[in-house]
PDB file of N, CA and C in Angstrom:
ATOM      1  N   MET A   1     -16.961  57.534-147.165  1.00  0.00           N
ATOM      2  CA  MET A   1     -16.253  56.999-145.868  1.00  0.00           C
ATOM      3  C   MET A   1     -16.161  58.641-145.347  1.00  0.00           C
ATOM      4  N   THR A   2     -15.531  59.808-146.036  1.00  0.00           N
ATOM      5  CA  THR A   2     -14.893  60.474-145.875  1.00  0.00           C
ATOM      6  C   THR A   2     -15.302  61.839-146.918  1.00  0.00           C
ATOM      7  N   GLU A   3     -16.019  63.122-146.008  1.00  0.00           N
ATOM      8  CA  GLU A   3     -15.950  63.967-146.518  1.00  0.00           C
ATOM      9  C   GLU A   3     -14.749  65.512-146.763  1.00  0.00           C
ATOM     10  N   GLY A   4     -13.851  64.514-146.244  1.00  0.00           N
ATOM     11  CA  GLY A   4     -12.137  65.389-146.512  1.00  0.00           C
ATOM     12  C   GLY A   4     -11.876  65.801-145.296  1.00  0.00           C
ATOM     13  N   MET A   5     -10.822  66.105-145.551  1.00  0.00           N
ATOM     14  CA  MET A   5     -10.249  66.500-143.893  1.00  0.00           C
ATOM     15  C   MET A   5     -10.697  68.341-143.991  1.00  0.00           C
ATOM     16  N   LYS A   6     -11.028  68.746-142.998  1.00  0.00           N
ATOM     17  CA  LYS A   6     -11.700  69.575-142.616  1.00  0.00           C
ATOM     18  C   LYS A   6     -11.523  70.242-141.592  1.00  0.00           C
ATOM     19  N   THR A   7     -10.629  69.565-140.556  1.00  0.00           N
ATOM     20  CA  THR A   7     -10.494  70.381-139.322  1.00  0.00           C
ATOM     21  C   THR A   7      -8.669  70.195-138.974  1.00  0.00           C
ATOM     22  N   ILE A   8      -7.764  71.007-138.707  1.00  0.00           N
ATOM     23  CA  ILE A   8      -6.600  70.655-137.809  1.00  0.00           C
ATOM     24  C   ILE A   8      -6.541  71.249-136.459  1.00  0.00           C
ATOM     25  N   ILE A   9      -6.086  70.632-135.675  1.00  0.00           N
ATOM     26  CA  ILE A   9      -5.764  70.798-134.538  1.00  0.00           C
ATOM     27  C   ILE A   9      -4.327  70.833-133.655  1.00  0.00           C
ATOM     28  N   TYR A  10      -3.949  71.968-133.514  1.00  0.00           N
ATOM     29  CA  TYR A  10      -2.871  72.195-133.158  1.00  0.00           C
ATOM     30  C   TYR A  10      -2.490  72.270-131.376  1.00  0.00           C
ATOM     31  N   PRO A  11      -1.808  71.289-130.613  1.00  0.00           N
ATOM     32  CA  PRO A  11      -1.521  71.432-129.047  1.00  0.00           C
ATOM     33  C   PRO A  11      -1.006  72.500-129.036  1.00  0.00           C
ATOM     34  N   VAL A  12      -1.333  73.286-127.854  1.00  0.00           N
ATOM     35  CA  VAL A  12      -0.476  74.380-127.803  1.00  0.00           C
ATOM     36  C   VAL A  12      -0.185  74.477-125.637  1.00  0.00           C
ATOM     37  N   LYS A  13       0.977  75.656-125.816  1.00  0.00           N
ATOM     38  CA  LYS A  13       0.878  75.374-124.264  1.00  0.00           C
ATOM     39  C   LYS A  13       0.556  76.412-123.644  1.00  0.00           C
ATOM     40  N   ASP A  14       0.280  77.931-124.349  1.00  0.00           N
ATOM     41  CA  ASP A  14      -0.359  78.924-123.555  1.00  0.00           C
ATOM     42  C   ASP A  14      -1.746  79.151-124.550  1.00  0.00           C
ATOM     43  N   LEU A  15      -2.562  79.203-123.747  1.00  0.00           N
ATOM     44  CA  LEU A  15      -3.771  78.932-124.977  1.00  0.00           C
ATOM     45  C   LEU A  15      -3.912  80.726-125.383  1.00  0.00           C
ATOM     46  N   ALA A  16      -3.677  81.608-124.515  1.00  0.00           N
ATOM     47  CA  ALA A  16      -3.959  83.184-124.321  1.00  0.00           C
ATOM     48  C   ALA A  16      -3.172  83.379-125.778  1.00  0.00           C
ATOM     49  N   GLU A  17      -2.124  83.102-125.374  1.00  0.00           N
ATOM     50  CA  GLU A  17      -0.824  83.172-126.230  1.00  0.00           C
ATOM     51  C   GLU A  17      -1.297  83.273-128.183  1.00  0.00           C
ATOM     52  N   ALA A  18      -1.610  81.550-128.258  1.00  0.00           N
ATOM     53  CA  ALA A  18      -1.792  80.978-129.546  1.00  0.00           C
ATOM     54  C   ALA A  18      -2.861  81.682-130.056  1.00  0.00           C
ATOM     55  N   LYS A  19      -3.763  82.011-128.666  1.00  0.00           N
ATOM     56  CA  LYS A  19      -4.930  82.526-129.665  1.00  0.00           C
ATOM     57  C   LYS A  19      -4.982  83.620-130.405  1.00  0.00           C
ATOM     58  N   ALA A  20      -4.006  84.763-129.672  1.00  0.00           N
ATOM     59  CA  ALA A  20      -3.762  85.813-130.108  1.00  0.00           C
ATOM     60  C   ALA A  20      -2.839  85.636-131.298  1.00  0.00           C
ATOM     61  N   LEU A  21      -2.329  84.530-131.494  1.00  0.00           N
ATOM     62  CA  LEU A  21      -1.516  84.874-132.163  1.00  0.00           C
ATOM     63  C   LEU A  21      -2.127  84.072-133.850  1.00  0.00           C
ATOM     64  N   TYR A  22      -3.067  82.944-133.129  1.00  0.00           N
ATOM     65  CA  TYR A  22      -3.907  82.381-134.859  1.00  0.00           C
ATOM     66  C   TYR A  22      -5.083  83.604-135.046  1.00  0.00           C
ATOM     67  N   SER A  23      -5.281  84.158-134.383  1.00  0.00           N
ATOM     68  CA  SER A  23      -6.828  85.787-134.475  1.00  0.00           C
ATOM     69  C   SER A  23      -5.536  86.419-135.593  1.00  0.00           C
ATOM     70  N   GLU A  24      -4.549  86.491-135.329  1.00  0.00           N
ATOM     71  CA  GLU A  24      -3.814  87.456-136.173  1.00  0.00           C
ATOM     72  C   GLU A  24      -3.806  87.011-137.248  1.00  0.00           C
ATOM     73  N   LEU A  25      -3.296  85.476-137.110  1.00  0.00           N
ATOM     74  CA  LEU A  25      -3.015  84.801-138.398  1.00  0.00           C
ATOM     75  C   LEU A  25      -3.967  84.747-139.510  1.00  0.00           C
ATOM     76  N   LEU A  26      -5.031  84.452-139.046  1.00  0.00           N
ATOM     77  CA  LEU A  26      -6.098  83.860-139.588  1.00  0.00           C
ATOM     78  C   LEU A  26      -7.366  85.252-140.034  1.00  0.00           C
ATOM     79  N   GLY A  27      -6.961  86.394-139.075  1.00  0.00           N
ATOM     80  CA  GLY A  27      -7.751  87.650-139.505  1.00  0.00           C
ATOM     81  C   GLY A  27      -9.164  87.464-139.150  1.00  0.00           C
ATOM     82  N   VAL A  28      -9.639  86.642-138.422  1.00  0.00           N
ATOM     83  CA  VAL A  28     -10.872  85.798-137.461  1.00  0.00           C
ATOM     84  C   VAL A  28     -10.982  86.229-136.378  1.00  0.00           C
ATOM     85  N   GLU A  29     -11.739  86.277-135.065  1.00  0.00           N
ATOM     86  CA  GLU A  29     -12.217  85.596-133.456  1.00  0.00           C
ATOM     87  C   GLU A  29     -12.247  84.751-133.705  1.00  0.00           C
ATOM     88  N   PRO A  30     -12.198  83.687-132.713  1.00  0.00           N
ATOM     89  CA  PRO A  30     -12.533  82.251-132.346  1.00  0.00           C
ATOM     90  C   PRO A  30     -14.315  82.308-132.570  1.00  0.00           C
ATOM     91  N   VAL A  31     -15.111  81.197-133.437  1.00  0.00           N
ATOM     92  CA  VAL A  31     -16.159  80.450-133.356  1.00  0.00           C
ATOM     93  C   VAL A  31     -16.594  80.005-131.886  1.00  0.00           C
ATOM     94  N   MET A  32     -15.510  79.467-131.197  1.00  0.00           N
ATOM     95  CA  MET A  32     -15.508  78.768-129.774  1.00  0.00           C
ATOM     96  C   MET A  32     -14.421  79.233-129.068  1.00  0.00           C
ATOM     97  N   ASP A  33     -14.359  79.780-127.863  1.00  0.00           N
ATOM     98  CA  ASP A  33     -13.406  80.335-127.098  1.00  0.00           C
ATOM     99  C   ASP A  33     -13.742  79.689-125.527  1.00  0.00           C
ATOM    100  N   GLU A  34     -13.516  78.842-125.450  1.00  0.00           N
ATOM    101  CA  GLU A  34     -12.928  77.967-123.957  1.00  0.00           C
ATOM    102  C   GLU A  34     -11.886  77.552-123.215  1.00  0.00           C
ATOM    103  N   ALA A  35     -11.679  77.278-122.280  1.00  0.00           N
ATOM    104  CA  ALA A  35     -10.566  76.872-121.449  1.00  0.00           C
ATOM    105  C   ALA A  35      -9.718  75.997-122.368  1.00  0.00           C
ATOM    106  N   TYR A  36     -10.904  75.088-122.436  1.00  0.00           N
ATOM    107  CA  TYR A  36      -9.776  73.861-122.913  1.00  0.00           C
ATOM    108  C   TYR A  36     -10.087  73.326-124.451  1.00  0.00           C
ATOM    109  N   TYR A  37     -10.421  74.565-124.931  1.00  0.00           N
ATOM    110  CA  TYR A  37     -10.359  74.335-126.971  1.00  0.00           C
ATOM    111  C   TYR A  37     -10.568  75.743-127.307  1.00  0.00           C
ATOM    112  N   VAL A  38      -9.942  76.524-128.471  1.00  0.00           N
ATOM    113  CA  VAL A  38     -10.420  77.637-129.206  1.00  0.00           C
ATOM    114  C   VAL A  38     -10.410  77.252-130.507  1.00  0.00           C
ATOM    115  N   GLY A  39     -11.420  77.257-130.965  1.00  0.00           N
ATOM    116  CA  GLY A  39     -11.532  77.496-132.404  1.00  0.00           C
ATOM    117  C   GLY A  39     -12.008  78.657-133.401  1.00  0.00           C
ATOM    118  N   PHE A  40     -11.285  78.168-134.191  1.00  0.00           N
ATOM    119  CA  PHE A  40     -11.584  79.108-135.846  1.00  0.00           C
ATOM    120  C   PHE A  40     -12.366  78.500-137.013  1.00  0.00           C
ATOM    121  N   ARG A  41     -12.625  79.481-137.634  1.00  0.00           N
ATOM    122  CA  ARG A  41     -13.470  78.560-139.419  1.00  0.00           C
ATOM    123  C   ARG A  41     -12.735  79.872-139.926  1.00  0.00           C
ATOM    124  N   VAL A  42     -12.018  79.295-141.074  1.00  0.00           N
ATOM    125  CA  VAL A  42     -11.819  79.910-142.013  1.00  0.00           C
ATOM    126  C   VAL A  42     -12.070  79.459-143.645  1.00  0.00           C
ATOM    127  N   GLY A  43     -12.950  79.821-144.183  1.00  0.00           N
ATOM    128  CA  GLY A  43     -12.658  79.158-145.850  1.00  0.00           C
ATOM    129  C   GLY A  43     -13.236  77.927-145.619  1.00  0.00           C
ATOM    130  N   GLY A  44     -14.245  77.398-144.689  1.00  0.00           N
ATOM    131  CA  GLY A  44     -14.383  75.911-144.802  1.00  0.00           C
ATOM    132  C   GLY A  44     -14.046  74.921-143.762  1.00  0.00           C
ATOM    133  N   GLN A  45     -12.516  75.870-143.400  1.00  0.00           N
ATOM    134  CA  GLN A  45     -11.898  74.999-142.445  1.00  0.00           C
ATOM    135  C   GLN A  45     -11.741  75.065-141.329  1.00  0.00           C
ATOM    136  N   ASP A  46     -11.690  74.381-140.316  1.00  0.00           N
ATOM    137  CA  ASP A  46     -11.528  74.429-139.245  1.00  0.00           C
ATOM    138  C   ASP A  46     -10.718  74.066-138.272  1.00  0.00           C
ATOM    139  N   ILE A  47     -10.035  75.366-137.443  1.00  0.00           N
ATOM    140  CA  ILE A  47      -8.685  75.170-136.967  1.00  0.00           C
ATOM    141  C   ILE A  47      -9.290  75.374-135.256  1.00  0.00           C
ATOM    142  N   GLY A  48      -8.363  74.473-134.806  1.00  0.00           N
ATOM    143  CA  GLY A  48      -8.437  74.365-133.070  1.00  0.00           C
ATOM    144  C   GLY A  48      -7.335  74.451-132.428  1.00  0.00           C
ATOM    145  N   LEU A  49      -7.384  75.094-131.409  1.00  0.00           N
ATOM    146  CA  LEU A  49      -6.041  74.936-130.640  1.00  0.00           C
ATOM    147  C   LEU A  49      -6.719  74.143-129.095  1.00  0.00           C
ATOM    148  N   ASP A  50      -5.749  73.129-128.571  1.00  0.00           N
ATOM    149  CA  ASP A  50      -5.942  72.428-127.815  1.00  0.00           C
ATOM    150  C   ASP A  50      -4.817  72.249-126.804  1.00  0.00           C
ATOM    151  N   PRO A  51      -5.233  72.639-125.083  1.00  0.00           N
ATOM    152  CA  PRO A  51      -3.978  73.081-124.733  1.00  0.00           C
ATOM    153  C   PRO A  51      -3.516  72.264-123.968  1.00  0.00           C
ATOM    154  N   HIS A  52      -4.699  71.123-123.971  1.00  0.00           N
ATOM    155  CA  HIS A  52      -3.906  69.433-123.400  1.00  0.00           C
ATOM    156  C   HIS A  52      -3.857  68.518-124.595  1.00  0.00           C
ATOM    157  N   GLY A  53      -3.400  69.399-125.872  1.00  0.00           N
ATOM    158  CA  GLY A  53      -2.785  68.080-126.512  1.00  0.00           C
ATOM    159  C   GLY A  53      -1.487  67.699-126.374  1.00  0.00           C
ATOM    160  N   HIS A  54      -0.639  68.561-125.965  1.00  0.00           N
ATOM    161  CA  HIS A  54       0.215  67.626-125.765  1.00  0.00           C
ATOM    162  C   HIS A  54       0.395  66.248-124.252  1.00  0.00           C
ATOM    163  N   SER A  55      -0.728  66.717-123.637  1.00  0.00           N
ATOM    164  CA  SER A  55      -0.373  65.619-122.712  1.00  0.00           C
ATOM    165  C   SER A  55      -1.427  64.211-123.270  1.00  0.00           C
ATOM    166  N   LYS A  56      -2.080  64.841-124.458  1.00  0.00           N
ATOM    167  CA  LYS A  56      -2.586  63.390-124.517  1.00  0.00           C
ATOM    168  C   LYS A  56      -1.384  62.805-126.013  1.00  0.00           C
ATOM    169  N   GLY A  57      -0.721  63.468-126.358  1.00  0.00           N
ATOM    170  CA  GLY A  57       0.536  62.617-127.325  1.00  0.00           C
ATOM    171  C   GLY A  57       0.479  63.256-128.108  1.00  0.00           C
ATOM    172  N   MET A  58      -0.237  64.508-128.608  1.00  0.00           N
ATOM    173  CA  MET A  58       0.180  65.330-129.603  1.00  0.00           C
ATOM    174  C   MET A  58       1.205  66.295-129.781  1.00  0.00           C
ATOM    175  N   THR A  59       2.212  65.721-130.683  1.00  0.00           N
ATOM    176  CA  THR A  59       3.576  66.261-131.067  1.00  0.00           C
ATOM    177  C   THR A  59       3.913  67.229-132.111  1.00  0.00           C
ATOM    178  N   GLY A  60       2.662  67.558-132.821  1.00  0.00           N
ATOM    179  CA  GLY A  60       2.695  68.632-133.618  1.00  0.00           C
ATOM    180  C   GLY A  60       1.176  68.374-134.175  1.00  0.00           C
ATOM    181  N   PRO A  61       0.469  69.664-135.187  1.00  0.00           N
ATOM    182  CA  PRO A  61      -0.700  69.172-135.398  1.00  0.00           C
ATOM    183  C   PRO A  61      -0.874  68.645-136.147  1.00  0.00           C
ATOM    184  N   VAL A  62      -2.611  67.555-135.853  1.00  0.00           N
ATOM    185  CA  VAL A  62      -3.186  66.461-136.106  1.00  0.00           C
ATOM    186  C   VAL A  62      -4.503  67.416-137.266  1.00  0.00           C
ATOM    187  N   GLY A  63      -4.426  66.705-138.571  1.00  0.00           N
ATOM    188  CA  GLY A  63      -5.714  66.864-139.885  1.00  0.00           C
ATOM    189  C   GLY A  63      -6.610  66.000-139.341  1.00  0.00           C
ATOM    190  N   TYR A  64      -7.702  66.184-139.123  1.00  0.00           N
ATOM    191  CA  TYR A  64      -8.646  65.412-138.662  1.00  0.00           C
ATOM    192  C   TYR A  64      -9.920  65.156-140.371  1.00  0.00           C
ATOM    193  N   TRP A  65      -9.794  63.916-140.820  1.00  0.00           N
ATOM    194  CA  TRP A  65     -11.051  63.530-141.630  1.00  0.00           C
ATOM    195  C   TRP A  65     -12.448  63.312-141.424  1.00  0.00           C
ATOM    196  N   HIS A  66     -13.021  63.979-141.852  1.00  0.00           N
ATOM    197  CA  HIS A  66     -14.243  63.998-141.731  1.00  0.00           C
ATOM    198  C   HIS A  66     -15.114  62.948-141.976  1.00  0.00           C
ATOM    199  N   VAL A  67     -15.616  61.938-141.355  1.00  0.00           N
ATOM    200  CA  VAL A  67     -16.571  60.681-141.363  1.00  0.00           C
ATOM    201  C   VAL A  67     -17.569  60.724-140.822  1.00  0.00           C
ATOM    202  N   ASP A  68     -18.614  59.816-141.848  1.00  0.00           N
ATOM    203  CA  ASP A  68     -19.847  59.950-141.137  1.00  0.00           C
ATOM    204  C   ASP A  68     -19.838  58.517-140.219  1.00  0.00           C
ATOM    205  N   ASP A  69     -19.245  57.682-140.392  1.00  0.00           N
ATOM    206  CA  ASP A  69     -19.219  56.791-139.060  1.00  0.00           C
ATOM    207  C   ASP A  69     -17.944  56.307-138.953  1.00  0.00           C
ATOM    208  N   ILE A  70     -17.871  56.996-137.632  1.00  0.00           N
ATOM    209  CA  ILE A  70     -16.011  56.770-136.435  1.00  0.00           C
ATOM    210  C   ILE A  70     -15.654  55.499-136.188  1.00  0.00           C
ATOM    211  N   ARG A  71     -17.123  54.712-136.131  1.00  0.00           N
ATOM    212  CA  ARG A  71     -16.412  53.451-135.323  1.00  0.00           C
ATOM    213  C   ARG A  71     -16.753  52.358-136.839  1.00  0.00           C
ATOM    214  N   SER A  72     -16.523  52.262-137.876  1.00  0.00           N
ATOM    215  CA  SER A  72     -16.923  51.850-139.017  1.00  0.00           C
ATOM    216  C   SER A  72     -15.137  52.229-139.701  1.00  0.00           C
ATOM    217  N   ALA A  73     -14.915  53.779-139.622  1.00  0.00           N
ATOM    218  CA  ALA A  73     -13.377  54.174-139.502  1.00  0.00           C
ATOM    219  C   ALA A  73     -12.493  53.462-139.379  1.00  0.00           C
ATOM    220  N   VAL A  74     -12.385  53.616-138.027  1.00  0.00           N
ATOM    221  CA  VAL A  74     -11.420  53.300-137.288  1.00  0.00           C
ATOM    222  C   VAL A  74     -11.185  52.012-137.439  1.00  0.00           C
ATOM    223  N   SER A  75     -12.560  51.072-137.582  1.00  0.00           N
ATOM    224  CA  SER A  75     -12.128  49.501-137.415  1.00  0.00           C
ATOM    225  C   SER A  75     -11.245  49.024-138.819  1.00  0.00           C
ATOM    226  N   ALA A  76     -11.971  50.028-139.646  1.00  0.00           N
ATOM    227  CA  ALA A  76     -11.186  50.004-141.640  1.00  0.00           C
ATOM    228  C   ALA A  76      -9.841  49.899-141.079  1.00  0.00           C
ATOM    229  N   LEU A  77      -9.258  51.138-140.956  1.00  0.00           N
ATOM    230  CA  LEU A  77      -7.756  51.345-140.762  1.00  0.00           C
ATOM    231  C   LEU A  77      -7.091  50.644-139.894  1.00  0.00           C
ATOM    232  N   LEU A  78      -7.765  50.174-138.729  1.00  0.00           N
ATOM    233  CA  LEU A  78      -7.353  48.903-137.898  1.00  0.00           C
ATOM    234  C   LEU A  78      -6.596  48.144-138.315  1.00  0.00           C
ATOM    235  N   GLY A  79      -7.883  47.318-139.517  1.00  0.00           N
ATOM    236  CA  GLY A  79      -7.593  46.165-139.985  1.00  0.00           C
ATOM    237  C   GLY A  79      -6.565  46.269-141.140  1.00  0.00           C
ATOM    238  N   ALA A  80      -6.465  47.402-141.945  1.00  0.00           N
ATOM    239  CA  ALA A  80      -5.564  48.024-142.796  1.00  0.00           C
ATOM    240  C   ALA A  80      -4.229  48.035-142.287  1.00  0.00           C
ATOM    241  N   GLY A  81      -4.104  48.416-140.991  1.00  0.00           N
ATOM    242  CA  GLY A  81      -3.046  47.972-140.140  1.00  0.00           C
ATOM    243  C   GLY A  81      -2.289  49.387-139.502  1.00  0.00           C
ATOM    244  N   ALA A  82      -3.353  50.164-139.061  1.00  0.00           N
ATOM    245  CA  ALA A  82      -3.277  51.132-138.371  1.00  0.00           C
ATOM    246  C   ALA A  82      -2.719  51.279-137.106  1.00  0.00           C
ATOM    247  N   GLU A  83      -2.643  51.772-136.361  1.00  0.00           N
ATOM    248  CA  GLU A  83      -2.372  51.327-134.885  1.00  0.00           C
ATOM    249  C   GLU A  83      -3.186  52.783-134.195  1.00  0.00           C
ATOM    250  N   ALA A  84      -3.924  52.601-133.126  1.00  0.00           N
ATOM    251  CA  ALA A  84      -4.557  53.251-132.081  1.00  0.00           C
ATOM    252  C   ALA A  84      -3.916  54.064-131.594  1.00  0.00           C
ATOM    253  N   VAL A  85      -3.842  55.642-131.478  1.00  0.00           N
ATOM    254  CA  VAL A  85      -3.553  56.255-130.797  1.00  0.00           C
ATOM    255  C   VAL A  85      -4.055  56.795-129.786  1.00  0.00           C
ATOM    256  N   GLN A  86      -5.290  57.119-130.173  1.00  0.00           N
ATOM    257  CA  GLN A  86      -6.487  58.264-129.413  1.00  0.00           C
ATOM    258  C   GLN A  86      -8.222  57.157-129.566  1.00  0.00           C
ATOM    259  N   ASP A  87      -8.523  56.694-128.461  1.00  0.00           N
ATOM    260  CA  ASP A  87      -9.684  55.615-128.277  1.00  0.00           C
ATOM    261  C   ASP A  87     -10.732  56.915-129.543  1.00  0.00           C
ATOM    262  N   ILE A  88     -11.539  56.608-129.203  1.00  0.00           N
ATOM    263  CA  ILE A  88     -13.073  57.250-129.964  1.00  0.00           C
ATOM    264  C   ILE A  88     -13.405  57.918-128.620  1.00  0.00           C
ATOM    265  N   GLN A  89     -13.780  59.052-128.526  1.00  0.00           N
ATOM    266  CA  GLN A  89     -14.134  59.780-127.465  1.00  0.00           C
ATOM    267  C   GLN A  89     -15.150  61.050-128.038  1.00  0.00           C
ATOM    268  N   ASP A  90     -16.027  61.508-127.358  1.00  0.00           N
ATOM    269  CA  ASP A  90     -16.764  62.122-127.089  1.00  0.00           C
ATOM    270  C   ASP A  90     -16.623  63.652-126.830  1.00  0.00           C
ATOM    271  N   VAL A  91     -16.389  64.732-127.741  1.00  0.00           N
ATOM    272  CA  VAL A  91     -15.464  66.102-127.139  1.00  0.00           C
ATOM    273  C   VAL A  91     -15.918  67.074-126.816  1.00  0.00           C
ATOM    274  N   GLY A  92     -17.870  66.715-126.979  1.00  0.00           N
ATOM    275  CA  GLY A  92     -19.007  67.569-126.751  1.00  0.00           C
ATOM    276  C   GLY A  92     -20.442  67.593-127.528  1.00  0.00           C
ATOM    277  N   GLY A  93     -21.102  67.731-127.313  1.00  0.00           N
ATOM    278  CA  GLY A  93     -22.643  67.785-127.896  1.00  0.00           C
ATOM    279  C   GLY A  93     -22.269  66.665-129.375  1.00  0.00           C
ATOM    280  N   GLY A  94     -21.965  65.370-128.610  1.00  0.00           N
ATOM    281  CA  GLY A  94     -22.150  64.462-129.242  1.00  0.00           C
ATOM    282  C   GLY A  94     -21.072  64.285-130.537  1.00  0.00           C
ATOM    283  N   LYS A  95     -19.970  65.414-130.921  1.00  0.00           N
ATOM    284  CA  LYS A  95     -19.197  65.135-131.896  1.00  0.00           C
ATOM    285  C   LYS A  95     -17.939  64.059-131.327  1.00  0.00           C
ATOM    286  N   LEU A  96     -17.731  63.073-132.248  1.00  0.00           N
ATOM    287  CA  LEU A  96     -17.007  62.351-131.988  1.00  0.00           C
ATOM    288  C   LEU A  96     -15.348  61.958-132.351  1.00  0.00           C
ATOM    289  N   THR A  97     -14.153  61.775-131.652  1.00  0.00           N
ATOM    290  CA  THR A  97     -12.974  62.218-132.328  1.00  0.00           C
ATOM    291  C   THR A  97     -12.061  60.925-132.089  1.00  0.00           C
ATOM    292  N   ALA A  98     -10.842  60.482-132.870  1.00  0.00           N
ATOM    293  CA  ALA A  98      -9.961  59.183-132.806  1.00  0.00           C
ATOM    294  C   ALA A  98      -8.729  59.772-133.497  1.00  0.00           C
ATOM    295  N   ILE A  99      -7.411  59.103-132.853  1.00  0.00           N
ATOM    296  CA  ILE A  99      -6.694  59.301-133.440  1.00  0.00           C
ATOM    297  C   ILE A  99      -6.191  58.093-133.993  1.00  0.00           C
ATOM    298  N   VAL A 100      -5.388  57.550-134.992  1.00  0.00           N
ATOM    299  CA  VAL A 100      -4.671  56.125-135.513  1.00  0.00           C
ATOM    300  C   VAL A 100      -3.226  56.980-135.747  1.00  0.00           C
ATOM    301  N   LYS A 101      -2.206  56.264-136.186  1.00  0.00           N
ATOM    302  CA  LYS A 101      -1.621  56.119-136.801  1.00  0.00           C
ATOM    303  C   LYS A 101      -0.789  55.050-137.628  1.00  0.00           C
ATOM    304  N   ASP A 102      -0.217  55.599-138.901  1.00  0.00           N
ATOM    305  CA  ASP A 102      -0.282  54.643-140.191  1.00  0.00           C
ATOM    306  C   ASP A 102       1.020  53.899-140.069  1.00  0.00           C
ATOM    307  N   SER A 103       1.978  53.062-140.255  1.00  0.00           N
ATOM    308  CA  SER A 103       3.006  52.034-139.927  1.00  0.00           C
ATOM    309  C   SER A 103       4.497  52.936-140.554  1.00  0.00           C
ATOM    310  N   ASP A 104       4.258  54.318-140.951  1.00  0.00           N
ATOM    311  CA  ASP A 104       5.213  55.427-140.982  1.00  0.00           C
ATOM    312  C   ASP A 104       5.136  55.998-139.515  1.00  0.00           C
ATOM    313  N   GLY A 105       4.077  56.316-138.689  1.00  0.00           N
ATOM    314  CA  GLY A 105       3.964  57.205-137.442  1.00  0.00           C
ATOM    315  C   GLY A 105       3.361  58.364-138.041  1.00  0.00           C
ATOM    316  N   ASN A 106       2.768  58.450-138.657  1.00  0.00           N
ATOM    317  CA  ASN A 106       1.749  59.555-139.098  1.00  0.00           C
ATOM    318  C   ASN A 106       0.849  59.377-138.842  1.00  0.00           C
ATOM    319  N   THR A 107       0.383  60.813-137.886  1.00  0.00           N
ATOM    320  CA  THR A 107      -1.165  60.738-137.535  1.00  0.00           C
ATOM    321  C   THR A 107      -2.444  60.987-138.009  1.00  0.00           C
ATOM    322  N   ILE A 108      -3.494  60.165-137.714  1.00  0.00           N
ATOM    323  CA  ILE A 108      -4.529  60.241-138.592  1.00  0.00           C
ATOM    324  C   ILE A 108      -5.882  60.654-137.812  1.00  0.00           C
ATOM    325  N   GLY A 109      -6.255  61.691-138.001  1.00  0.00           N
ATOM    326  CA  GLY A 109      -7.484  61.756-137.413  1.00  0.00           C
ATOM    327  C   GLY A 109      -8.659  61.551-137.870  1.00  0.00           C
ATOM    328  N   LEU A 110      -9.983  61.124-136.810  1.00  0.00           N
ATOM    329  CA  LEU A 110     -10.794  61.382-137.213  1.00  0.00           C
ATOM    330  C   LEU A 110     -12.001  62.166-136.373  1.00  0.00           C
ATOM    331  N   ILE A 111     -13.020  62.373-137.315  1.00  0.00           N
ATOM    332  CA  ILE A 111     -13.730  62.937-136.522  1.00  0.00           C
ATOM    333  C   ILE A 111     -15.638  62.753-137.315  1.00  0.00           C
ATOM    334  N   GLN A 112     -16.488  62.965-136.315  1.00  0.00           N
ATOM    335  CA  GLN A 112     -17.570  62.234-136.992  1.00  0.00           C
ATOM    336  C   GLN A 112     -18.168  63.424-136.052  1.00  0.00           C
ATOM    337  N   ALA A 113     -18.850  64.412-136.950  1.00  0.00           N
ATOM    338  CA  ALA A 113     -19.958  65.013-136.078  1.00  0.00           C
ATOM    339  C   ALA A 113     -21.330  64.823-135.497  1.00  0.00           C
ATOM    340  N   ALA A 114     -21.939  65.332-134.425  1.00  0.00           N
ATOM    341  CA  ALA A 114     -22.914  64.968-134.144  1.00  0.00           C
ATOM    342  C   ALA A 114     -24.153  65.148-134.407  1.00  0.00           C
TER     343      ALA A 114
END
């Protein structure tokens, strides 16, 4: 079902400022640098900066579990008591994401590669 948690996305208010800070912290330049998202890759980990994260309800970083079948994973989690936060959406190039939360309010991000 899962390949593990390989992506963490941070909601940011000032994308340019966050990009500079995370470039310094991680010691690498972004692998993706767009107005809607900046992404880094370090040691097999993807770190993303989302300037629209706060407006989507993100209150802090969200870890994303990489899954083979996001529809099946979301359905299984909802059946186990999770609550939908963000429906499945294509974030570009066929990559799908969704967010649910557990009964304690912890967010669980899911991502399916294209």
